[in-house]
Amino acid sequence: MHQHKSGIESALKETKGFLDKLHNEISRTLEKIGSREKYINNQLEHLVQEYRGAQAQLSEARERYQQGNGGVTERTRLLSEVTEELEKVKQEMEEKGSSMTDGTPLVKIKQSLTKLKQETVQMDIRIGVVEHTLLQSKLKEKSNMTRDMHAAATPESAIGFY
């Protein structure tokens, strides 16, 4: 057991020396890495600041994009409503245009005007006939009155001559 103990102690001394040496090397390496890191950080500090500024600008741009995109969405919705209303108006105009090009009402109006003209001509003829009849009646009455007056005047004058 003493033999193992002495073997372990000698191995421990030897291992401790290696570990101390390793510890020193690791410490020096860490110091070198630390100083190198500081040097690199100092060299790249302006780039890091630029990167942070670019990140802030990107964040602002994204926010503006989201706001603008919301506005575009609203305008797109309004555009679709206006387009729908325009289609309705176009359809109404088309219907009115087709009814205007449909000649049926115009043909009926023309037929009615022709019929009114014919009736006017017939009424003018009737009026002319009635006027002619009235004039003939007046002339006949006047002729009868004149004859009656001559007839009444003739017997008296004929009596006076006898």
N, C-alpha and C. Protein backbone atom coordinates (compact mmCIF):
# COMPACT_ATOMS: atom_id res chain seq x y z
N MET A 1 0.80 -1.15 0.00
CA MET A 1 0.00 0.00 0.00
C MET A 1 0.87 1.25 0.00
N HIS A 2 1.97 1.17 0.74
CA HIS A 2 2.93 2.27 0.72
C HIS A 2 3.51 2.44 -0.66
N GLN A 3 3.64 1.35 -1.26
CA GLN A 3 4.20 1.38 -2.60
C GLN A 3 3.24 2.10 -3.54
N HIS A 4 1.98 1.83 -3.41
CA HIS A 4 0.99 2.51 -4.24
C HIS A 4 0.93 3.98 -3.89
N LYS A 5 1.04 4.25 -2.61
CA LYS A 5 0.97 5.63 -2.17
C LYS A 5 2.13 6.41 -2.75
N SER A 6 3.31 5.88 -2.70
CA SER A 6 4.47 6.57 -3.24
C SER A 6 4.35 6.69 -4.75
N GLY A 7 3.77 5.68 -5.42
CA GLY A 7 3.56 5.75 -6.87
C GLY A 7 2.57 6.84 -7.22
N ILE A 8 1.55 6.94 -6.40
CA ILE A 8 0.52 7.96 -6.65
C ILE A 8 1.11 9.33 -6.40
N GLU A 9 1.91 9.51 -5.34
CA GLU A 9 2.49 10.80 -5.03
C GLU A 9 3.45 11.24 -6.12
N SER A 10 4.25 10.32 -6.62
CA SER A 10 5.18 10.68 -7.69
C SER A 10 4.41 11.03 -8.96
N ALA A 11 3.36 10.28 -9.24
CA ALA A 11 2.53 10.57 -10.42
C ALA A 11 1.82 11.90 -10.23
N LEU A 12 1.44 12.18 -8.97
CA LEU A 12 0.75 13.43 -8.68
C LEU A 12 1.68 14.61 -8.89
N LYS A 13 2.94 14.50 -8.43
CA LYS A 13 3.90 15.58 -8.61
C LYS A 13 4.13 15.81 -10.10
N GLU A 14 4.32 14.71 -10.78
CA GLU A 14 4.57 14.83 -12.22
C GLU A 14 3.36 15.43 -12.93
N THR A 15 2.17 14.96 -12.59
CA THR A 15 0.93 15.44 -13.22
C THR A 15 0.69 16.88 -12.81
N LYS A 16 1.01 17.22 -11.55
CA LYS A 16 0.80 18.58 -11.09
C LYS A 16 1.70 19.53 -11.87
N GLY A 17 2.90 19.12 -12.16
CA GLY A 17 3.81 19.95 -12.95
C GLY A 17 3.25 20.17 -14.35
N PHE A 18 2.76 19.08 -14.94
CA PHE A 18 2.16 19.22 -16.28
C PHE A 18 0.93 20.11 -16.24
N LEU A 19 0.12 19.93 -15.21
CA LEU A 19 -1.11 20.72 -15.10
C LEU A 19 -0.79 22.20 -14.85
N ASP A 20 0.22 22.48 -14.02
CA ASP A 20 0.62 23.86 -13.78
C ASP A 20 1.14 24.50 -15.07
N LYS A 21 1.96 23.72 -15.77
CA LYS A 21 2.49 24.20 -17.05
C LYS A 21 1.33 24.46 -18.02
N LEU A 22 0.36 23.54 -18.06
CA LEU A 22 -0.81 23.68 -18.94
C LEU A 22 -1.63 24.88 -18.51
N HIS A 23 -1.77 25.07 -17.21
CA HIS A 23 -2.53 26.20 -16.69
C HIS A 23 -1.88 27.51 -17.10
N ASN A 24 -0.58 27.59 -16.98
CA ASN A 24 0.15 28.80 -17.37
C ASN A 24 -0.01 29.08 -18.87
N GLU A 25 0.11 28.05 -19.66
CA GLU A 25 -0.05 28.22 -21.12
C GLU A 25 -1.47 28.69 -21.45
N ILE A 26 -2.46 28.09 -20.80
CA ILE A 26 -3.86 28.47 -21.05
C ILE A 26 -4.07 29.91 -20.61
N SER A 27 -3.51 30.32 -19.48
CA SER A 27 -3.66 31.69 -18.99
C SER A 27 -3.03 32.67 -19.97
N ARG A 28 -1.80 32.36 -20.45
CA ARG A 28 -1.16 33.23 -21.43
C ARG A 28 -1.99 33.31 -22.71
N THR A 29 -2.49 32.17 -23.13
CA THR A 29 -3.29 32.14 -24.36
C THR A 29 -4.57 32.96 -24.17
N LEU A 30 -5.22 32.85 -23.01
CA LEU A 30 -6.42 33.64 -22.74
C LEU A 30 -6.10 35.13 -22.72
N GLU A 31 -4.95 35.51 -22.14
CA GLU A 31 -4.55 36.91 -22.14
C GLU A 31 -4.32 37.40 -23.57
N LYS A 32 -3.64 36.55 -24.36
CA LYS A 32 -3.41 36.93 -25.76
C LYS A 32 -4.75 37.08 -26.50
N ILE A 33 -5.66 36.13 -26.26
CA ILE A 33 -6.98 36.19 -26.91
C ILE A 33 -7.72 37.44 -26.45
N GLY A 34 -7.66 37.76 -25.16
CA GLY A 34 -8.32 38.95 -24.63
C GLY A 34 -7.77 40.21 -25.26
N SER A 35 -6.42 40.31 -25.33
CA SER A 35 -5.84 41.51 -25.93
C SER A 35 -6.16 41.58 -27.42
N ARG A 36 -6.14 40.43 -28.09
CA ARG A 36 -6.48 40.39 -29.52
C ARG A 36 -7.95 40.80 -29.71
N GLU A 37 -8.83 40.34 -28.83
CA GLU A 37 -10.25 40.68 -28.91
C GLU A 37 -10.45 42.18 -28.72
N LYS A 38 -9.73 42.78 -27.74
CA LYS A 38 -9.82 44.22 -27.53
C LYS A 38 -9.34 44.96 -28.77
N TYR A 39 -8.23 44.51 -29.33
CA TYR A 39 -7.69 45.14 -30.53
C TYR A 39 -8.70 45.08 -31.68
N ILE A 40 -9.27 43.88 -31.87
CA ILE A 40 -10.25 43.71 -32.96
C ILE A 40 -11.49 44.56 -32.69
N ASN A 41 -11.97 44.57 -31.45
CA ASN A 41 -13.13 45.39 -31.10
C ASN A 41 -12.86 46.87 -31.37
N ASN A 42 -11.65 47.33 -31.01
CA ASN A 42 -11.30 48.73 -31.28
C ASN A 42 -11.25 48.99 -32.78
N GLN A 43 -10.71 48.04 -33.52
CA GLN A 43 -10.62 48.21 -34.97
C GLN A 43 -12.01 48.20 -35.62
N LEU A 44 -12.92 47.41 -35.09
CA LEU A 44 -14.24 47.23 -35.72
C LEU A 44 -15.35 48.03 -35.05
N GLU A 45 -15.00 48.87 -34.08
CA GLU A 45 -16.03 49.62 -33.35
C GLU A 45 -16.89 50.47 -34.28
N HIS A 46 -16.26 51.16 -35.23
CA HIS A 46 -17.04 52.00 -36.14
C HIS A 46 -17.97 51.14 -37.01
N LEU A 47 -17.51 49.94 -37.39
CA LEU A 47 -18.37 49.05 -38.18
C LEU A 47 -19.55 48.55 -37.35
N VAL A 48 -19.31 48.29 -36.07
CA VAL A 48 -20.39 47.85 -35.19
C VAL A 48 -21.42 48.97 -35.04
N GLN A 49 -20.93 50.21 -34.90
CA GLN A 49 -21.83 51.35 -34.79
C GLN A 49 -22.65 51.51 -36.08
N GLU A 50 -21.99 51.36 -37.22
CA GLU A 50 -22.70 51.43 -38.50
C GLU A 50 -23.76 50.33 -38.58
N TYR A 51 -23.39 49.14 -38.12
CA TYR A 51 -24.33 48.01 -38.15
C TYR A 51 -25.55 48.31 -37.29
N ARG A 52 -25.32 48.85 -36.09
CA ARG A 52 -26.44 49.18 -35.21
C ARG A 52 -27.32 50.26 -35.84
N GLY A 53 -26.70 51.25 -36.46
CA GLY A 53 -27.48 52.30 -37.15
C GLY A 53 -28.29 51.71 -38.29
N ALA A 54 -27.68 50.81 -39.05
CA ALA A 54 -28.39 50.17 -40.16
C ALA A 54 -29.55 49.35 -39.64
N GLN A 55 -29.35 48.67 -38.51
CA GLN A 55 -30.44 47.88 -37.91
C GLN A 55 -31.59 48.80 -37.50
N ALA A 56 -31.27 49.96 -36.92
CA ALA A 56 -32.31 50.91 -36.50
C ALA A 56 -33.06 51.43 -37.73
N GLN A 57 -32.31 51.75 -38.80
CA GLN A 57 -32.96 52.22 -40.03
C GLN A 57 -33.85 51.14 -40.62
N LEU A 58 -33.35 49.91 -40.59
CA LEU A 58 -34.15 48.79 -41.10
C LEU A 58 -35.44 48.65 -40.31
N SER A 59 -35.35 48.79 -39.01
CA SER A 59 -36.54 48.69 -38.15
C SER A 59 -37.53 49.80 -38.49
N GLU A 60 -37.03 51.03 -38.66
CA GLU A 60 -37.91 52.15 -39.03
C GLU A 60 -38.54 51.92 -40.40
N ALA A 61 -37.73 51.45 -41.34
CA ALA A 61 -38.24 51.20 -42.69
C ALA A 61 -39.32 50.13 -42.67
N ARG A 62 -39.11 49.10 -41.87
CA ARG A 62 -40.13 48.04 -41.77
C ARG A 62 -41.43 48.60 -41.19
N GLU A 63 -41.30 49.46 -40.19
CA GLU A 63 -42.49 50.06 -39.58
C GLU A 63 -43.22 50.93 -40.59
N ARG A 64 -42.47 51.76 -41.33
CA ARG A 64 -43.10 52.59 -42.37
C ARG A 64 -43.74 51.72 -43.45
N TYR A 65 -43.07 50.62 -43.79
CA TYR A 65 -43.63 49.71 -44.79
C TYR A 65 -44.96 49.13 -44.32
N GLN A 66 -45.00 48.73 -43.04
CA GLN A 66 -46.24 48.18 -42.50
C GLN A 66 -47.35 49.23 -42.53
N GLN A 67 -47.02 50.47 -42.17
CA GLN A 67 -48.02 51.54 -42.21
C GLN A 67 -48.46 51.81 -43.65
N GLY A 68 -47.48 51.87 -44.55
CA GLY A 68 -47.81 52.09 -45.96
C GLY A 68 -48.60 50.95 -46.54
N ASN A 69 -48.24 49.75 -46.15
CA ASN A 69 -48.96 48.57 -46.65
C ASN A 69 -50.41 48.59 -46.17
N GLY A 70 -50.62 49.07 -44.94
CA GLY A 70 -52.00 49.21 -44.44
C GLY A 70 -52.76 50.22 -45.27
N GLY A 71 -52.11 51.32 -45.64
CA GLY A 71 -52.74 52.33 -46.49
C GLY A 71 -53.05 51.77 -47.87
N VAL A 72 -52.13 50.98 -48.40
CA VAL A 72 -52.36 50.37 -49.72
C VAL A 72 -53.54 49.41 -49.65
N THR A 73 -53.62 48.65 -48.57
CA THR A 73 -54.73 47.71 -48.43
C THR A 73 -56.06 48.46 -48.40
N GLU A 74 -56.10 49.56 -47.65
CA GLU A 74 -57.33 50.36 -47.57
C GLU A 74 -57.67 50.95 -48.93
N ARG A 75 -56.66 51.47 -49.62
CA ARG A 75 -56.92 52.05 -50.94
C ARG A 75 -57.36 50.98 -51.94
N THR A 76 -56.80 49.79 -51.82
CA THR A 76 -57.21 48.70 -52.70
C THR A 76 -58.67 48.35 -52.46
N ARG A 77 -59.08 48.34 -51.21
CA ARG A 77 -60.47 48.05 -50.88
C ARG A 77 -61.38 49.14 -51.46
N LEU A 78 -60.98 50.40 -51.28
CA LEU A 78 -61.77 51.51 -51.83
C LEU A 78 -61.83 51.43 -53.35
N LEU A 79 -60.71 51.06 -53.97
CA LEU A 79 -60.68 50.93 -55.43
C LEU A 79 -61.65 49.85 -55.89
N SER A 80 -61.70 48.74 -55.18
CA SER A 80 -62.62 47.67 -55.58
C SER A 80 -64.07 48.12 -55.41
N GLU A 81 -64.37 48.91 -54.37
CA GLU A 81 -65.73 49.42 -54.19
C GLU A 81 -66.09 50.38 -55.32
N VAL A 82 -65.17 51.27 -55.66
CA VAL A 82 -65.43 52.23 -56.74
C VAL A 82 -65.59 51.51 -58.07
N THR A 83 -64.76 50.49 -58.29
CA THR A 83 -64.85 49.72 -59.53
C THR A 83 -66.20 49.01 -59.61
N GLU A 84 -66.65 48.48 -58.50
CA GLU A 84 -67.95 47.80 -58.47
C GLU A 84 -69.08 48.79 -58.78
N GLU A 85 -69.00 49.97 -58.18
CA GLU A 85 -70.01 51.01 -58.43
C GLU A 85 -69.97 51.44 -59.90
N LEU A 86 -68.77 51.55 -60.46
CA LEU A 86 -68.62 51.93 -61.87
C LEU A 86 -69.26 50.88 -62.77
N GLU A 87 -69.07 49.62 -62.44
CA GLU A 87 -69.67 48.54 -63.24
C GLU A 87 -71.19 48.63 -63.20
N LYS A 88 -71.75 48.95 -62.02
CA LYS A 88 -73.20 49.10 -61.90
C LYS A 88 -73.70 50.24 -62.79
N VAL A 89 -72.98 51.37 -62.73
CA VAL A 89 -73.38 52.53 -63.54
C VAL A 89 -73.27 52.21 -65.03
N LYS A 90 -72.19 51.51 -65.42
CA LYS A 90 -72.04 51.11 -66.82
C LYS A 90 -73.19 50.23 -67.26
N GLN A 91 -73.57 49.29 -66.40
CA GLN A 91 -74.67 48.38 -66.74
C GLN A 91 -75.98 49.16 -66.89
N GLU A 92 -76.23 50.11 -65.97
CA GLU A 92 -77.44 50.92 -66.07
C GLU A 92 -77.44 51.74 -67.36
N MET A 93 -76.28 52.31 -67.70
CA MET A 93 -76.19 53.10 -68.92
C MET A 93 -76.40 52.22 -70.15
N GLU A 94 -75.87 51.01 -70.10
CA GLU A 94 -76.06 50.08 -71.21
C GLU A 94 -77.53 49.75 -71.38
N GLU A 95 -78.21 49.49 -70.25
CA GLU A 95 -79.64 49.17 -70.31
C GLU A 95 -80.42 50.36 -70.87
N LYS A 96 -80.10 51.56 -70.40
CA LYS A 96 -80.79 52.75 -70.90
C LYS A 96 -80.48 52.97 -72.37
N GLY A 97 -79.22 52.74 -72.74
CA GLY A 97 -78.83 52.90 -74.14
C GLY A 97 -79.54 51.91 -75.04
N SER A 98 -79.67 50.67 -74.57
CA SER A 98 -80.35 49.68 -75.40
C SER A 98 -81.84 49.99 -75.50
N SER A 99 -82.41 50.54 -74.42
CA SER A 99 -83.83 50.91 -74.51
C SER A 99 -84.00 52.13 -75.41
N MET A 100 -82.97 52.99 -75.45
CA MET A 100 -83.05 54.16 -76.33
C MET A 100 -82.87 53.75 -77.79
N THR A 101 -82.04 52.76 -78.03
CA THR A 101 -81.85 52.31 -79.40
C THR A 101 -82.99 51.41 -79.84
N ASP A 102 -83.73 50.91 -78.86
CA ASP A 102 -84.91 50.12 -79.19
C ASP A 102 -85.93 51.10 -79.76
N GLY A 103 -86.32 50.93 -81.01
CA GLY A 103 -87.17 51.89 -81.70
C GLY A 103 -88.64 51.74 -81.40
N THR A 104 -89.04 50.80 -80.57
CA THR A 104 -90.46 50.56 -80.32
C THR A 104 -91.18 51.81 -79.82
N PRO A 105 -90.71 52.50 -78.80
CA PRO A 105 -91.42 53.70 -78.36
C PRO A 105 -91.46 54.77 -79.45
N LEU A 106 -90.37 54.93 -80.18
CA LEU A 106 -90.32 55.93 -81.24
C LEU A 106 -91.28 55.59 -82.36
N VAL A 107 -91.35 54.31 -82.71
CA VAL A 107 -92.27 53.87 -83.76
C VAL A 107 -93.71 54.14 -83.32
N LYS A 108 -94.01 53.86 -82.06
CA LYS A 108 -95.37 54.09 -81.56
C LYS A 108 -95.71 55.57 -81.61
N ILE A 109 -94.75 56.42 -81.26
CA ILE A 109 -94.99 57.87 -81.31
C ILE A 109 -95.24 58.30 -82.74
N LYS A 110 -94.43 57.81 -83.68
CA LYS A 110 -94.61 58.18 -85.09
C LYS A 110 -95.97 57.71 -85.61
N GLN A 111 -96.36 56.50 -85.21
CA GLN A 111 -97.67 55.98 -85.64
C GLN A 111 -98.79 56.85 -85.07
N SER A 112 -98.64 57.25 -83.81
CA SER A 112 -99.66 58.11 -83.19
C SER A 112 -99.73 59.46 -83.89
N LEU A 113 -98.57 60.02 -84.24
CA LEU A 113 -98.56 61.30 -84.96
C LEU A 113 -99.22 61.17 -86.33
N THR A 114 -98.94 60.08 -87.04
CA THR A 114 -99.56 59.85 -88.35
C THR A 114 -101.07 59.74 -88.20
N LYS A 115 -101.52 59.01 -87.18
CA LYS A 115 -102.95 58.84 -86.94
C LYS A 115 -103.59 60.19 -86.62
N LEU A 116 -102.89 61.01 -85.78
CA LEU A 116 -103.41 62.34 -85.45
C LEU A 116 -103.51 63.22 -86.70
N LYS A 117 -102.52 63.13 -87.58
CA LYS A 117 -102.56 63.91 -88.82
C LYS A 117 -103.75 63.48 -89.68
N GLN A 118 -103.97 62.17 -89.77
CA GLN A 118 -105.11 61.66 -90.56
C GLN A 118 -106.43 62.15 -89.96
N GLU A 119 -106.53 62.08 -88.64
CA GLU A 119 -107.75 62.53 -87.98
C GLU A 119 -107.94 64.03 -88.19
N THR A 120 -106.84 64.80 -88.17
CA THR A 120 -106.92 66.24 -88.40
C THR A 120 -107.42 66.53 -89.81
N VAL A 121 -106.90 65.78 -90.77
CA VAL A 121 -107.36 65.95 -92.16
C VAL A 121 -108.84 65.63 -92.26
N GLN A 122 -109.28 64.53 -91.64
CA GLN A 122 -110.69 64.15 -91.68
C GLN A 122 -111.55 65.23 -91.01
N MET A 123 -111.06 65.78 -89.89
CA MET A 123 -111.81 66.83 -89.20
C MET A 123 -111.88 68.09 -90.07
N ASP A 124 -110.77 68.41 -90.74
CA ASP A 124 -110.78 69.57 -91.65
C ASP A 124 -111.80 69.37 -92.76
N ILE A 125 -111.87 68.15 -93.29
CA ILE A 125 -112.85 67.85 -94.36
C ILE A 125 -114.26 68.00 -93.81
N ARG A 126 -114.51 67.47 -92.62
CA ARG A 126 -115.85 67.57 -92.02
C ARG A 126 -116.22 69.03 -91.77
N ILE A 127 -115.22 69.78 -91.24
CA ILE A 127 -115.47 71.20 -90.99
C ILE A 127 -115.79 71.90 -92.31
N GLY A 128 -115.03 71.57 -93.35
CA GLY A 128 -115.29 72.16 -94.66
C GLY A 128 -116.68 71.83 -95.17
N VAL A 129 -117.09 70.57 -94.99
CA VAL A 129 -118.42 70.15 -95.43
C VAL A 129 -119.48 70.89 -94.64
N VAL A 130 -119.30 70.99 -93.32
CA VAL A 130 -120.27 71.68 -92.47
C VAL A 130 -120.32 73.15 -92.86
N GLU A 131 -119.16 73.78 -93.09
CA GLU A 131 -119.14 75.19 -93.50
C GLU A 131 -119.86 75.36 -94.84
N HIS A 132 -119.59 74.44 -95.76
CA HIS A 132 -120.24 74.51 -97.08
C HIS A 132 -121.75 74.36 -96.94
N THR A 133 -122.16 73.40 -96.11
CA THR A 133 -123.59 73.18 -95.90
C THR A 133 -124.22 74.40 -95.26
N LEU A 134 -123.55 74.98 -94.27
CA LEU A 134 -124.04 76.16 -93.60
C LEU A 134 -124.14 77.32 -94.58
N LEU A 135 -123.11 77.49 -95.40
CA LEU A 135 -123.12 78.57 -96.38
C LEU A 135 -124.25 78.37 -97.39
N GLN A 136 -124.42 77.13 -97.83
CA GLN A 136 -125.52 76.85 -98.77
C GLN A 136 -126.86 77.14 -98.11
N SER A 137 -126.96 76.76 -96.85
CA SER A 137 -128.21 76.98 -96.12
C SER A 137 -128.47 78.48 -95.98
N LYS A 138 -127.42 79.25 -95.67
CA LYS A 138 -127.58 80.69 -95.53
C LYS A 138 -127.96 81.30 -96.88
N LEU A 139 -127.29 80.85 -97.94
CA LEU A 139 -127.60 81.38 -99.28
C LEU A 139 -129.03 81.03 -99.67
N LYS A 140 -129.43 79.81 -99.38
CA LYS A 140 -130.79 79.37 -99.72
C LYS A 140 -131.80 80.18 -98.93
N GLU A 141 -131.49 80.42 -97.66
CA GLU A 141 -132.39 81.20 -96.82
C GLU A 141 -132.46 82.63 -97.33
N LYS A 142 -131.32 83.18 -97.70
CA LYS A 142 -131.29 84.54 -98.21
C LYS A 142 -132.06 84.61 -99.53
N SER A 143 -131.84 83.59 -100.35
CA SER A 143 -132.54 83.53 -101.64
C SER A 143 -134.03 83.43 -101.41
N ASN A 144 -134.42 82.61 -100.44
CA ASN A 144 -135.84 82.47 -100.11
C ASN A 144 -136.38 83.78 -99.56
N MET A 145 -135.64 84.46 -98.75
CA MET A 145 -136.10 85.72 -98.19
C MET A 145 -136.23 86.77 -99.29
N THR A 146 -135.27 86.78 -100.18
CA THR A 146 -135.32 87.73 -101.28
C THR A 146 -136.51 87.44 -102.17
N ARG A 147 -136.76 86.20 -102.47
CA ARG A 147 -137.89 85.81 -103.31
C ARG A 147 -139.19 86.15 -102.60
N ASP A 148 -139.22 85.86 -101.29
CA ASP A 148 -140.43 86.17 -100.53
C ASP A 148 -140.67 87.67 -100.50
N MET A 149 -139.63 88.45 -100.40
CA MET A 149 -139.78 89.89 -100.38
C MET A 149 -140.24 90.38 -101.76
N HIS A 150 -139.71 89.79 -102.81
CA HIS A 150 -140.15 90.17 -104.15
C HIS A 150 -141.56 89.70 -104.40
N ALA A 151 -141.84 88.56 -103.88
CA ALA A 151 -143.18 88.02 -104.08
C ALA A 151 -144.18 88.87 -103.33
N ALA A 152 -143.83 89.31 -102.17
CA ALA A 152 -144.75 90.13 -101.40
C ALA A 152 -144.83 91.52 -102.02
N ALA A 153 -143.78 92.01 -102.56
CA ALA A 153 -143.79 93.33 -103.16
C ALA A 153 -144.44 93.28 -104.53
N THR A 154 -144.39 92.24 -105.24
CA THR A 154 -144.95 92.13 -106.57
C THR A 154 -146.47 92.15 -106.53
N PRO A 155 -147.17 91.49 -105.71
CA PRO A 155 -148.61 91.55 -105.74
C PRO A 155 -149.10 92.93 -105.39
N GLU A 156 -148.53 93.64 -104.54
CA GLU A 156 -149.01 94.96 -104.20
C GLU A 156 -148.79 95.91 -105.36
N SER A 157 -147.67 95.85 -105.95
CA SER A 157 -147.43 96.73 -107.08
C SER A 157 -148.26 96.29 -108.27
N ALA A 158 -148.49 94.99 -108.36
CA ALA A 158 -149.34 94.52 -109.46
C ALA A 158 -150.76 94.96 -109.21
N ILE A 159 -151.19 95.02 -108.02
CA ILE A 159 -152.55 95.44 -107.71
C ILE A 159 -152.68 96.92 -107.98
N GLY A 160 -151.69 97.68 -107.68
CA GLY A 160 -151.73 99.10 -107.88
C GLY A 160 -151.74 99.46 -109.35
N PHE A 161 -151.33 98.64 -110.24
CA PHE A 161 -151.29 98.95 -111.65
C PHE A 161 -152.57 98.57 -112.29
N TYR A 162 -153.39 97.82 -111.71
CA TYR A 162 -154.63 97.37 -112.34
C TYR A 162 -155.64 98.36 -112.20
